Protein backbone atom coordinates (compact mmCIF):
# COMPACT_ATOMS: atom_id res chain seq x y z
CA MET A 1 0.00 0.00 0.00
CA LYS A 2 1.40 3.36 -1.04
CA LEU A 3 1.67 6.20 1.43
CA THR A 4 -0.72 9.01 0.49
CA PRO A 5 -1.99 12.17 2.22
CA LEU A 6 -5.39 10.58 2.93
CA ASN A 7 -3.68 7.61 4.59
CA ILE A 8 -1.63 10.01 6.71
CA THR A 9 -4.80 11.95 7.61
CA LEU A 10 -6.58 8.74 8.60
CA ALA A 11 -3.62 7.68 10.75
CA CYS A 12 -3.58 11.08 12.49
CA VAL A 13 -7.31 10.86 13.24
CA LEU A 14 -6.95 7.35 14.66
CA VAL A 15 -3.99 8.35 16.85
CA TRP A 16 -5.94 11.40 18.07
CA VAL A 17 -8.95 9.25 19.01
CA ILE A 18 -6.79 6.64 20.74
CA SER A 19 -4.99 9.33 22.74
CA GLU A 20 -8.35 10.84 23.69
CA MET A 21 -9.63 7.52 25.06
CA ASN A 22 -7.46 7.71 28.17
CA LEU A 23 -8.80 11.11 29.22
CA ASP A 24 -11.77 11.39 31.55
CA THR A 25 -13.54 13.78 29.19
CA GLU A 26 -16.22 12.81 26.71
CA MET A 27 -15.06 11.66 23.26
CA THR A 28 -15.42 14.15 20.40
CA PHE A 29 -17.43 11.69 18.30
CA SER A 30 -18.75 8.17 18.76
CA TRP A 31 -17.28 4.88 17.55
CA GLY A 32 -19.92 4.70 14.83
CA TRP A 33 -18.85 8.06 13.40
CA LEU A 34 -15.19 7.03 13.66
CA ILE A 35 -15.81 3.84 11.67
CA THR A 36 -17.86 5.81 9.13
CA LEU A 37 -15.03 8.35 8.76
CA CYS A 38 -12.47 5.56 8.27
CA VAL A 39 -14.58 3.88 5.60
CA ILE A 40 -15.28 7.16 3.78
CA LEU A 41 -11.60 8.20 3.79
CA SER A 42 -10.58 4.75 2.56
CA LEU A 43 -13.13 4.84 -0.27
CA ILE A 44 -12.08 8.36 -1.29
CA ASP A 45 -8.44 7.24 -1.26
CA LEU A 46 -9.33 4.25 -3.44
CA GLY A 47 -11.23 6.51 -5.83
CA PHE A 48 -8.27 8.87 -6.15
CA ARG A 49 -5.97 5.90 -6.78
CA MET A 50 -8.23 4.69 -9.58
CA ILE A 51 -8.39 8.14 -11.20
CA PHE A 52 -4.72 9.16 -10.84
CA LYS A 53 -2.18 6.50 -11.76
CA ASP A 54 0.83 8.78 -11.37
CA LEU A 55 1.91 9.04 -7.73
CA LYS A 56 2.87 12.72 -8.03
CA LYS A 57 -0.55 13.69 -9.42
CA LEU A 58 -2.21 11.54 -6.75
CA TRP A 59 -0.38 13.42 -3.99
CA PHE A 60 -1.28 16.83 -5.43
CA ALA A 61 -4.93 15.84 -5.88
CA GLN A 62 -5.25 14.44 -2.36
CA ILE A 63 -3.52 17.41 -0.75
CA ALA A 64 -5.82 19.76 -2.68
CA PHE A 65 -8.83 17.69 -1.55
CA ILE A 66 -7.76 17.84 2.10
CA LEU A 67 -7.19 21.61 1.88
CA VAL A 68 -10.56 22.25 0.24
CA VAL A 69 -12.39 20.12 2.81
CA GLY A 70 -10.52 21.85 5.65
CA ILE A 71 -11.33 25.31 4.32
CA LEU A 72 -14.99 24.37 3.83
CA MET A 73 -15.17 23.06 7.39
CA VAL A 74 -13.79 26.35 8.75
CA VAL A 75 -16.18 28.42 6.61
CA ILE A 76 -19.18 26.33 7.67
CA ARG A 77 -18.12 26.56 11.32
CA VAL A 78 -17.81 30.36 11.13
CA LEU A 79 -21.19 30.80 9.46
């Protein structure tokens, strides 16, 4: 399996959730949402891999996707 930005993002989310488990505070989202997020990110990664065969184009496309989603999340949160 090739290392891609979406795989790195998924790993960061999983590490964040695991580190949050030991705290006495409430989890940010439930296990169901975590599994849904993992499946969605994996399917999006698979889709990008099918569309972009070149690894360099794949990286650029996935980084652009992550940036657009991040910006949209901030804009939606502000509004």
